[in-house]
Every structure is written in C-alpha cells, then in structure tokens.
Amino acid sequence: MRLDLGHKGDWIVDPRALASRLGVSMAALKRQERLGQVEARIKAGSGTDADQTCVTVRLHGKGWRGTFDGSGALIAEERW
C-alpha cells in the first residue's frame, strides 16, 4: 500500500487495499464514502517524525491507521 499525491494535489490511498483492511468490498467503501459515512484524516508528522504522514480512516465502528514514510511507503499500520 502506498500514499500518493494525486493530480489535483490530493492524497490518494488505493481503495482496494483500504477496503480489504476495513473488511468491506471496494464498491461498499465507495458507496459509503458517497453517503458521507467514511471519516478520513491525514496528519503530517512533526519533530523526529516530520518525514512521516499518518492516515486514519473510520467506517461503522471499524478503523484503520497507516503511517507512511516520505516516499509514500507504508511503514506501520493498525486496525480496530
């Protein structure tokens, strides 16, 4: 899984990989996003973690958090 910068300046995580980590299909994830049921946050690191970015996604009581390095590679993750 990678964190990439889209052509509009937005950050992009592969929806297939994200859906599998949340235990839903990609179609369900996209549908729930359109309905405003997906909460997502992106936070840039600071201090010694300044080159890292944390992405948190919540969906119906499930959650996933990934930490990405400066190149966009996933270096840590957790699910709940």
C-alpha atoms as a PDB file:
ATOM      1  CA  MET A   1       0.000   0.000   0.000  1.00  0.00           C
ATOM      2  CA  ARG A   2       1.223   3.493  -0.860  1.00  0.00           C
ATOM      3  CA  LEU A   3       0.225   7.076  -0.177  1.00  0.00           C
ATOM      4  CA  ASP A   4       0.466   9.066  -3.399  1.00  0.00           C
ATOM      5  CA  LEU A   5      -0.181  12.669  -4.328  1.00  0.00           C
ATOM      6  CA  GLY A   6      -2.968  12.911  -6.934  1.00  0.00           C
ATOM      7  CA  HIS A   7      -3.006  15.244  -9.923  1.00  0.00           C
ATOM      8  CA  LYS A   8      -5.322  17.661  -8.070  1.00  0.00           C
ATOM      9  CA  GLY A   9      -2.948  17.885  -5.092  1.00  0.00           C
ATOM     10  CA  ASP A  10      -4.994  15.431  -3.035  1.00  0.00           C
ATOM     11  CA  TRP A  11      -3.565  12.422  -1.212  1.00  0.00           C
ATOM     12  CA  ILE A  12      -4.601   9.008  -2.517  1.00  0.00           C
ATOM     13  CA  VAL A  13      -4.575   5.558  -0.916  1.00  0.00           C
ATOM     14  CA  ASP A  14      -5.525   2.565  -3.100  1.00  0.00           C
ATOM     15  CA  PRO A  15      -9.237   1.963  -2.359  1.00  0.00           C
ATOM     16  CA  ARG A  16      -8.922  -1.816  -2.939  1.00  0.00           C
ATOM     17  CA  ALA A  17      -6.223  -2.134  -0.291  1.00  0.00           C
ATOM     18  CA  LEU A  18      -8.094   0.150   2.094  1.00  0.00           C
ATOM     19  CA  ALA A  19     -11.384  -1.730   1.645  1.00  0.00           C
ATOM     20  CA  SER A  20      -9.742  -5.065   2.420  1.00  0.00           C
ATOM     21  CA  ARG A  21      -8.191  -3.625   5.574  1.00  0.00           C
ATOM     22  CA  LEU A  22     -11.618  -2.387   6.683  1.00  0.00           C
ATOM     23  CA  GLY A  23     -13.279  -5.718   5.840  1.00  0.00           C
ATOM     24  CA  VAL A  24     -15.609  -4.354   3.146  1.00  0.00           C
ATOM     25  CA  SER A  25     -15.759  -4.548  -0.642  1.00  0.00           C
ATOM     26  CA  MET A  26     -14.395  -1.696  -2.711  1.00  0.00           C
ATOM     27  CA  ALA A  27     -17.911  -0.993  -4.028  1.00  0.00           C
ATOM     28  CA  ALA A  28     -19.256  -0.772  -0.463  1.00  0.00           C
ATOM     29  CA  LEU A  29     -16.422   1.544   0.568  1.00  0.00           C
ATOM     30  CA  LYS A  30     -17.068   3.871  -2.384  1.00  0.00           C
ATOM     31  CA  ARG A  31     -20.825   3.838  -1.758  1.00  0.00           C
ATOM     32  CA  GLN A  32     -20.381   4.632   1.932  1.00  0.00           C
ATOM     33  CA  GLU A  33     -17.946   7.410   1.072  1.00  0.00           C
ATOM     34  CA  ARG A  34     -20.522   8.995  -1.270  1.00  0.00           C
ATOM     35  CA  LEU A  35     -23.055   8.804   1.586  1.00  0.00           C
ATOM     36  CA  GLY A  36     -20.637  10.597   3.927  1.00  0.00           C
ATOM     37  CA  GLN A  37     -20.166   7.553   6.167  1.00  0.00           C
ATOM     38  CA  VAL A  38     -16.382   7.351   5.840  1.00  0.00           C
ATOM     39  CA  GLU A  39     -14.302   9.560   8.120  1.00  0.00           C
ATOM     40  CA  ALA A  40     -10.733  10.092   6.951  1.00  0.00           C
ATOM     41  CA  ARG A  41      -7.924  12.233   8.351  1.00  0.00           C
ATOM     42  CA  ILE A  42      -4.405  12.877   7.158  1.00  0.00           C
ATOM     43  CA  LYS A  43      -1.862  14.286   9.584  1.00  0.00           C
ATOM     44  CA  ALA A  44       1.691  15.295   8.764  1.00  0.00           C
ATOM     45  CA  GLY A  45       4.340  14.258  11.253  1.00  0.00           C
ATOM     46  CA  SER A  46       6.364  16.698  13.313  1.00  0.00           C
ATOM     47  CA  GLY A  47       9.677  16.731  15.150  1.00  0.00           C
ATOM     48  CA  THR A  48      11.551  13.463  14.680  1.00  0.00           C
ATOM     49  CA  ASP A  49       8.584  12.131  12.640  1.00  0.00           C
ATOM     50  CA  ALA A  50       8.471  15.134  10.277  1.00  0.00           C
ATOM     51  CA  ASP A  51       9.036  12.917   7.222  1.00  0.00           C
ATOM     52  CA  GLN A  52       6.029  10.715   8.035  1.00  0.00           C
ATOM     53  CA  THR A  53       2.296  11.034   7.353  1.00  0.00           C
ATOM     54  CA  CYS A  54      -0.467   9.326   9.322  1.00  0.00           C
ATOM     55  CA  VAL A  55      -3.751   8.376   7.623  1.00  0.00           C
ATOM     56  CA  THR A  56      -6.730   7.396   9.788  1.00  0.00           C
ATOM     57  CA  VAL A  57      -9.956   6.004   8.304  1.00  0.00           C
ATOM     58  CA  ARG A  58     -13.108   5.109  10.268  1.00  0.00           C
ATOM     59  CA  LEU A  59     -16.164   3.317   8.956  1.00  0.00           C
ATOM     60  CA  HIS A  60     -19.076   1.974  11.046  1.00  0.00           C
ATOM     61  CA  GLY A  61     -17.092   1.185  14.178  1.00  0.00           C
ATOM     62  CA  LYS A  62     -14.096  -0.150  12.245  1.00  0.00           C
ATOM     63  CA  GLY A  63     -10.884   1.728  11.814  1.00  0.00           C
ATOM     64  CA  TRP A  64      -7.510   1.631  10.170  1.00  0.00           C
ATOM     65  CA  ARG A  65      -4.448   3.804  10.687  1.00  0.00           C
ATOM     66  CA  GLY A  66      -1.395   3.748   8.453  1.00  0.00           C
ATOM     67  CA  THR A  67       1.904   5.550   8.820  1.00  0.00           C
ATOM     68  CA  PHE A  68       3.723   6.354   5.591  1.00  0.00           C
ATOM     69  CA  ASP A  69       7.306   7.487   5.106  1.00  0.00           C
ATOM     70  CA  GLY A  70       8.415  10.431   2.976  1.00  0.00           C
ATOM     71  CA  SER A  71       8.392   8.331  -0.201  1.00  0.00           C
ATOM     72  CA  GLY A  72       4.771   7.229   0.394  1.00  0.00           C
ATOM     73  CA  ALA A  73       5.575   3.660   1.504  1.00  0.00           C
ATOM     74  CA  LEU A  74       3.520   2.135   4.333  1.00  0.00           C
ATOM     75  CA  ILE A  75       5.795   1.591   7.342  1.00  0.00           C
ATOM     76  CA  ALA A  76       3.261   0.760  10.093  1.00  0.00           C
ATOM     77  CA  GLU A  77      -0.443   0.086  10.432  1.00  0.00           C
ATOM     78  CA  GLU A  78      -3.095  -0.846  12.960  1.00  0.00           C
ATOM     79  CA  ARG A  79      -6.737  -1.904  12.770  1.00  0.00           C
ATOM     80  CA  TRP A  80      -9.580  -1.849  15.250  1.00  0.00           C
END
